[in-house]
PDB file of all heavy atoms in Angstrom:
ATOM      1  N   HIS A   1     -15.806   3.658  14.648  1.00  0.00           N
ATOM      2  CA  HIS A   1     -16.627   4.023  13.469  1.00  0.00           C
ATOM      3  C   HIS A   1     -17.358   2.789  13.017  1.00  0.00           C
ATOM      4  O   HIS A   1     -18.551   2.836  12.722  1.00  0.00           O
ATOM      5  CB  HIS A   1     -15.681   4.571  12.368  1.00  0.00           C
ATOM      6  CG  HIS A   1     -16.395   4.842  11.074  1.00  0.00           C
ATOM      7  ND1 HIS A   1     -16.768   3.821  10.207  1.00  0.00           N
ATOM      8  CD2 HIS A   1     -16.858   5.990  10.522  1.00  0.00           C
ATOM      9  CE1 HIS A   1     -17.390   4.346   9.150  1.00  0.00           C
ATOM     10  NE2 HIS A   1     -17.457   5.655   9.338  1.00  0.00           N
ATOM     11  N   GLY A   2     -16.618   1.643  12.910  1.00  0.00           N
ATOM     12  CA  GLY A   2     -17.273   0.389  12.639  1.00  0.00           C
ATOM     13  C   GLY A   2     -17.234  -0.071  11.172  1.00  0.00           C
ATOM     14  O   GLY A   2     -17.410  -1.267  10.908  1.00  0.00           O
ATOM     15  N   ASP A   3     -17.031   0.868  10.239  1.00  0.00           N
ATOM     16  CA  ASP A   3     -16.994   0.499   8.814  1.00  0.00           C
ATOM     17  C   ASP A   3     -16.058   1.454   8.072  1.00  0.00           C
ATOM     18  O   ASP A   3     -16.424   2.081   7.087  1.00  0.00           O
ATOM     19  CB  ASP A   3     -18.403   0.568   8.232  1.00  0.00           C
ATOM     20  CG  ASP A   3     -18.492  -0.097   6.829  1.00  0.00           C
ATOM     21  OD1 ASP A   3     -17.546  -0.768   6.433  1.00  0.00           O
ATOM     22  OD2 ASP A   3     -19.494   0.127   6.123  1.00  0.00           O
ATOM     23  N   LEU A   4     -14.820   1.538   8.582  1.00  0.00           N
ATOM     24  CA  LEU A   4     -13.912   2.594   8.171  1.00  0.00           C
ATOM     25  C   LEU A   4     -13.092   2.178   6.950  1.00  0.00           C
ATOM     26  O   LEU A   4     -11.872   2.027   7.013  1.00  0.00           O
ATOM     27  CB  LEU A   4     -12.973   2.970   9.325  1.00  0.00           C
ATOM     28  CG  LEU A   4     -12.228   4.296   9.131  1.00  0.00           C
ATOM     29  CD1 LEU A   4     -13.177   5.498   9.370  1.00  0.00           C
ATOM     30  CD2 LEU A   4     -11.066   4.404  10.073  1.00  0.00           C
ATOM     31  N   TRP A   5     -13.757   2.011   5.792  1.00  0.00           N
ATOM     32  CA  TRP A   5     -12.996   1.755   4.572  1.00  0.00           C
ATOM     33  C   TRP A   5     -12.828   3.081   3.828  1.00  0.00           C
ATOM     34  O   TRP A   5     -13.364   4.098   4.202  1.00  0.00           O
ATOM     35  CB  TRP A   5     -13.696   0.706   3.707  1.00  0.00           C
ATOM     36  CG  TRP A   5     -15.018   1.121   3.079  1.00  0.00           C
ATOM     37  CD1 TRP A   5     -16.206   1.366   3.699  1.00  0.00           C
ATOM     38  CD2 TRP A   5     -15.255   1.328   1.659  1.00  0.00           C
ATOM     39  NE1 TRP A   5     -17.182   1.702   2.779  1.00  0.00           N
ATOM     40  CE2 TRP A   5     -16.611   1.735   1.532  1.00  0.00           C
ATOM     41  CE3 TRP A   5     -14.471   1.293   0.539  1.00  0.00           C
ATOM     42  CZ2 TRP A   5     -17.219   2.017   0.293  1.00  0.00           C
ATOM     43  CZ3 TRP A   5     -15.029   1.555  -0.698  1.00  0.00           C
ATOM     44  CH2 TRP A   5     -16.374   1.917  -0.793  1.00  0.00           C
ATOM     45  N   GLY A   6     -12.022   3.066   2.770  1.00  0.00           N
ATOM     46  CA  GLY A   6     -11.635   4.288   2.120  1.00  0.00           C
ATOM     47  C   GLY A   6     -12.789   5.054   1.521  1.00  0.00           C
ATOM     48  O   GLY A   6     -12.714   6.290   1.360  1.00  0.00           O
ATOM     49  N   GLY A   7     -13.935   4.404   1.257  1.00  0.00           N
ATOM     50  CA  GLY A   7     -15.104   5.072   0.709  1.00  0.00           C
ATOM     51  C   GLY A   7     -15.884   5.856   1.768  1.00  0.00           C
ATOM     52  O   GLY A   7     -16.847   6.565   1.410  1.00  0.00           O
ATOM     53  N   ASN A   8     -15.556   5.687   3.052  1.00  0.00           N
ATOM     54  CA  ASN A   8     -16.271   6.372   4.106  1.00  0.00           C
ATOM     55  C   ASN A   8     -15.408   7.426   4.815  1.00  0.00           C
ATOM     56  O   ASN A   8     -15.707   7.802   5.945  1.00  0.00           O
ATOM     57  CB  ASN A   8     -16.735   5.347   5.169  1.00  0.00           C
ATOM     58  CG  ASN A   8     -17.915   4.531   4.635  1.00  0.00           C
ATOM     59  OD1 ASN A   8     -18.552   4.878   3.636  1.00  0.00           O
ATOM     60  ND2 ASN A   8     -18.236   3.443   5.293  1.00  0.00           N
ATOM     61  N   VAL A   9     -14.377   7.869   4.151  1.00  0.00           N
ATOM     62  CA  VAL A   9     -13.531   8.954   4.648  1.00  0.00           C
ATOM     63  C   VAL A   9     -13.335   9.984   3.564  1.00  0.00           C
ATOM     64  O   VAL A   9     -13.381   9.659   2.366  1.00  0.00           O
ATOM     65  CB  VAL A   9     -12.133   8.469   5.183  1.00  0.00           C
ATOM     66  CG1 VAL A   9     -12.277   7.463   6.270  1.00  0.00           C
ATOM     67  CG2 VAL A   9     -11.293   7.934   4.030  1.00  0.00           C
ATOM     68  N   ALA A  10     -13.155  11.244   3.944  1.00  0.00           N
ATOM     69  CA  ALA A  10     -12.994  12.323   2.997  1.00  0.00           C
ATOM     70  C   ALA A  10     -12.323  13.497   3.724  1.00  0.00           C
ATOM     71  O   ALA A  10     -11.888  13.349   4.883  1.00  0.00           O
ATOM     72  CB  ALA A  10     -14.331  12.717   2.390  1.00  0.00           C
ATOM     73  N   GLU A  11     -12.251  14.617   3.037  1.00  0.00           N
ATOM     74  CA  GLU A  11     -11.758  15.818   3.671  1.00  0.00           C
ATOM     75  C   GLU A  11     -12.400  17.052   3.007  1.00  0.00           C
ATOM     76  O   GLU A  11     -12.943  16.931   1.886  1.00  0.00           O
ATOM     77  CB  GLU A  11     -10.230  15.944   3.582  1.00  0.00           C
ATOM     78  CG  GLU A  11      -9.683  16.129   2.205  1.00  0.00           C
ATOM     79  CD  GLU A  11      -8.137  16.166   2.159  1.00  0.00           C
ATOM     80  OE1 GLU A  11      -7.499  15.524   2.981  1.00  0.00           O
ATOM     81  OE2 GLU A  11      -7.621  16.885   1.255  1.00  0.00           O
ATOM     82  N   ASP A  12     -12.343  18.174   3.704  1.00  0.00           N
ATOM     83  CA  ASP A  12     -12.613  19.437   3.054  1.00  0.00           C
ATOM     84  C   ASP A  12     -11.451  20.393   3.455  1.00  0.00           C
ATOM     85  O   ASP A  12     -10.435  19.894   3.966  1.00  0.00           O
ATOM     86  CB  ASP A  12     -14.003  19.998   3.446  1.00  0.00           C
ATOM     87  CG  ASP A  12     -14.133  20.323   4.948  1.00  0.00           C
ATOM     88  OD1 ASP A  12     -13.123  20.289   5.665  1.00  0.00           O
ATOM     89  OD2 ASP A  12     -15.241  20.637   5.384  1.00  0.00           O
ATOM     90  N   ASP A  13     -11.618  21.639   3.217  1.00  0.00           N
ATOM     91  CA  ASP A  13     -10.475  22.561   3.504  1.00  0.00           C
ATOM     92  C   ASP A  13     -10.126  22.635   4.987  1.00  0.00           C
ATOM     93  O   ASP A  13      -9.029  23.017   5.346  1.00  0.00           O
ATOM     94  CB  ASP A  13     -10.782  23.950   2.944  1.00  0.00           C
ATOM     95  CG  ASP A  13     -10.836  23.982   1.424  1.00  0.00           C
ATOM     96  OD1 ASP A  13     -10.257  23.055   0.800  1.00  0.00           O
ATOM     97  OD2 ASP A  13     -11.475  24.864   0.855  1.00  0.00           O
ATOM     98  N   CYS A  14     -11.136  22.292   5.838  1.00  0.00           N
ATOM     99  CA  CYS A  14     -10.898  22.408   7.316  1.00  0.00           C
ATOM    100  C   CYS A  14     -10.238  21.168   7.878  1.00  0.00           C
ATOM    101  O   CYS A  14      -9.673  21.243   8.969  1.00  0.00           O
ATOM    102  CB  CYS A  14     -12.224  22.641   8.008  1.00  0.00           C
ATOM    103  SG  CYS A  14     -13.047  24.141   7.472  1.00  0.00           S
ATOM    104  N   GLY A  15     -10.332  19.999   7.231  1.00  0.00           N
ATOM    105  CA  GLY A  15      -9.752  18.804   7.786  1.00  0.00           C
ATOM    106  C   GLY A  15     -10.503  17.554   7.362  1.00  0.00           C
ATOM    107  O   GLY A  15     -11.326  17.581   6.458  1.00  0.00           O
ATOM    108  N   PRO A  16     -10.195  16.396   7.981  1.00  0.00           N
ATOM    109  CA  PRO A  16     -10.792  15.157   7.609  1.00  0.00           C
ATOM    110  C   PRO A  16     -12.221  15.001   8.059  1.00  0.00           C
ATOM    111  O   PRO A  16     -12.658  15.683   8.991  1.00  0.00           O
ATOM    112  CB  PRO A  16      -9.896  14.102   8.285  1.00  0.00           C
ATOM    113  CG  PRO A  16      -9.278  14.807   9.408  1.00  0.00           C
ATOM    114  CD  PRO A  16      -9.194  16.256   9.048  1.00  0.00           C
ATOM    115  N   ILE A  17     -12.987  14.161   7.374  1.00  0.00           N
ATOM    116  CA  ILE A  17     -14.360  13.862   7.682  1.00  0.00           C
ATOM    117  C   ILE A  17     -14.550  12.336   7.575  1.00  0.00           C
ATOM    118  O   ILE A  17     -14.031  11.721   6.618  1.00  0.00           O
ATOM    119  CB  ILE A  17     -15.321  14.553   6.691  1.00  0.00           C
ATOM    120  CG1 ILE A  17     -15.104  16.100   6.727  1.00  0.00           C
ATOM    121  CG2 ILE A  17     -16.781  14.203   7.015  1.00  0.00           C
ATOM    122  CD1 ILE A  17     -15.674  16.777   5.463  1.00  0.00           C
ATOM    123  N   ILE A  18     -15.268  11.743   8.499  1.00  0.00           N
ATOM    124  CA  ILE A  18     -15.670  10.305   8.360  1.00  0.00           C
ATOM    125  C   ILE A  18     -17.152  10.278   8.336  1.00  0.00           C
ATOM    126  O   ILE A  18     -17.842  11.129   8.936  1.00  0.00           O
ATOM    127  CB  ILE A  18     -15.048   9.418   9.444  1.00  0.00           C
ATOM    128  CG1 ILE A  18     -15.481   9.817  10.835  1.00  0.00           C
ATOM    129  CG2 ILE A  18     -13.518   9.439   9.330  1.00  0.00           C
ATOM    130  CD1 ILE A  18     -14.960   8.855  11.914  1.00  0.00           C
ATOM    131  N   PHE A  19     -17.740   9.283   7.682  1.00  0.00           N
ATOM    132  CA  PHE A  19     -19.195   9.248   7.571  1.00  0.00           C
ATOM    133  C   PHE A  19     -19.626   7.790   7.394  1.00  0.00           C
ATOM    134  O   PHE A  19     -18.790   6.854   7.363  1.00  0.00           O
ATOM    135  CB  PHE A  19     -19.675  10.131   6.409  1.00  0.00           C
ATOM    136  CG  PHE A  19     -18.998   9.881   5.086  1.00  0.00           C
ATOM    137  CD1 PHE A  19     -19.560   9.028   4.135  1.00  0.00           C
ATOM    138  CD2 PHE A  19     -17.804  10.522   4.781  1.00  0.00           C
ATOM    139  CE1 PHE A  19     -18.945   8.861   2.901  1.00  0.00           C
ATOM    140  CE2 PHE A  19     -17.174  10.323   3.559  1.00  0.00           C
ATOM    141  CZ  PHE A  19     -17.762   9.491   2.620  1.00  0.00           C
ATOM    142  N   ASP A  20     -20.958   7.570   7.245  1.00  0.00           N
ATOM    143  CA  ASP A  20     -21.536   6.218   7.140  1.00  0.00           C
ATOM    144  C   ASP A  20     -21.029   5.263   8.252  1.00  0.00           C
ATOM    145  O   ASP A  20     -20.641   4.141   8.014  1.00  0.00           O
ATOM    146  CB  ASP A  20     -21.219   5.567   5.792  1.00  0.00           C
ATOM    147  CG  ASP A  20     -22.025   6.195   4.663  1.00  0.00           C
ATOM    148  OD1 ASP A  20     -22.837   7.097   4.939  1.00  0.00           O
ATOM    149  OD2 ASP A  20     -21.832   5.819   3.509  1.00  0.00           O
ATOM    150  N   PRO A  21     -21.089   5.677   9.557  1.00  0.00           N
ATOM    151  CA  PRO A  21     -20.590   4.799  10.593  1.00  0.00           C
ATOM    152  C   PRO A  21     -21.564   3.696  10.957  1.00  0.00           C
ATOM    153  O   PRO A  21     -22.770   3.793  10.689  1.00  0.00           O
ATOM    154  CB  PRO A  21     -20.427   5.750  11.814  1.00  0.00           C
ATOM    155  CG  PRO A  21     -21.473   6.831  11.551  1.00  0.00           C
ATOM    156  CD  PRO A  21     -21.559   7.008  10.069  1.00  0.00           C
ATOM    157  N   ALA A  22     -21.033   2.621  11.552  1.00  0.00           N
ATOM    158  CA  ALA A  22     -21.817   1.532  12.133  1.00  0.00           C
ATOM    159  C   ALA A  22     -21.234   1.268  13.508  1.00  0.00           C
ATOM    160  O   ALA A  22     -20.623   0.252  13.761  1.00  0.00           O
ATOM    161  CB  ALA A  22     -21.693   0.306  11.243  1.00  0.00           C
ATOM    162  N   SER A  23     -21.392   2.253  14.387  1.00  0.00           N
ATOM    163  CA  SER A  23     -20.599   2.350  15.599  1.00  0.00           C
ATOM    164  C   SER A  23     -20.993   1.308  16.657  1.00  0.00           C
ATOM    165  O   SER A  23     -22.109   0.801  16.697  1.00  0.00           O
ATOM    166  CB  SER A  23     -20.726   3.761  16.213  1.00  0.00           C
ATOM    167  OG  SER A  23     -20.095   4.696  15.402  1.00  0.00           O
ATOM    168  N   PHE A  24     -20.020   1.045  17.546  1.00  0.00           N
ATOM    169  CA  PHE A  24     -20.255   0.304  18.782  1.00  0.00           C
ATOM    170  C   PHE A  24     -18.959   0.484  19.589  1.00  0.00           C
ATOM    171  O   PHE A  24     -17.974   1.013  19.102  1.00  0.00           O
ATOM    172  CB  PHE A  24     -20.551  -1.183  18.518  1.00  0.00           C
ATOM    173  CG  PHE A  24     -19.496  -1.966  17.842  1.00  0.00           C
ATOM    174  CD1 PHE A  24     -18.592  -2.733  18.546  1.00  0.00           C
ATOM    175  CD2 PHE A  24     -19.323  -1.930  16.457  1.00  0.00           C
ATOM    176  CE1 PHE A  24     -17.588  -3.461  17.950  1.00  0.00           C
ATOM    177  CE2 PHE A  24     -18.328  -2.642  15.805  1.00  0.00           C
ATOM    178  CZ  PHE A  24     -17.480  -3.429  16.552  1.00  0.00           C
ATOM    179  N   TYR A  25     -19.016   0.080  20.835  1.00  0.00           N
ATOM    180  CA  TYR A  25     -17.810   0.093  21.692  1.00  0.00           C
ATOM    181  C   TYR A  25     -17.078  -1.252  21.544  1.00  0.00           C
ATOM    182  O   TYR A  25     -17.698  -2.292  21.786  1.00  0.00           O
ATOM    183  CB  TYR A  25     -18.197   0.373  23.125  1.00  0.00           C
ATOM    184  CG  TYR A  25     -18.497   1.824  23.383  1.00  0.00           C
ATOM    185  CD1 TYR A  25     -19.810   2.293  23.212  1.00  0.00           C
ATOM    186  CD2 TYR A  25     -17.539   2.699  23.817  1.00  0.00           C
ATOM    187  CE1 TYR A  25     -20.094   3.635  23.393  1.00  0.00           C
ATOM    188  CE2 TYR A  25     -17.795   4.068  24.029  1.00  0.00           C
ATOM    189  CZ  TYR A  25     -19.099   4.503  23.838  1.00  0.00           C
ATOM    190  OH  TYR A  25     -19.387   5.827  24.042  1.00  0.00           O
TER     191      TYR A  25
END
């Protein structure tokens, strides 16, 4: 994900969601 702090994770009724990534391998 690259920037996985608590402000970039969430959930809805179906399960977890991550967002605002700064990805790389």
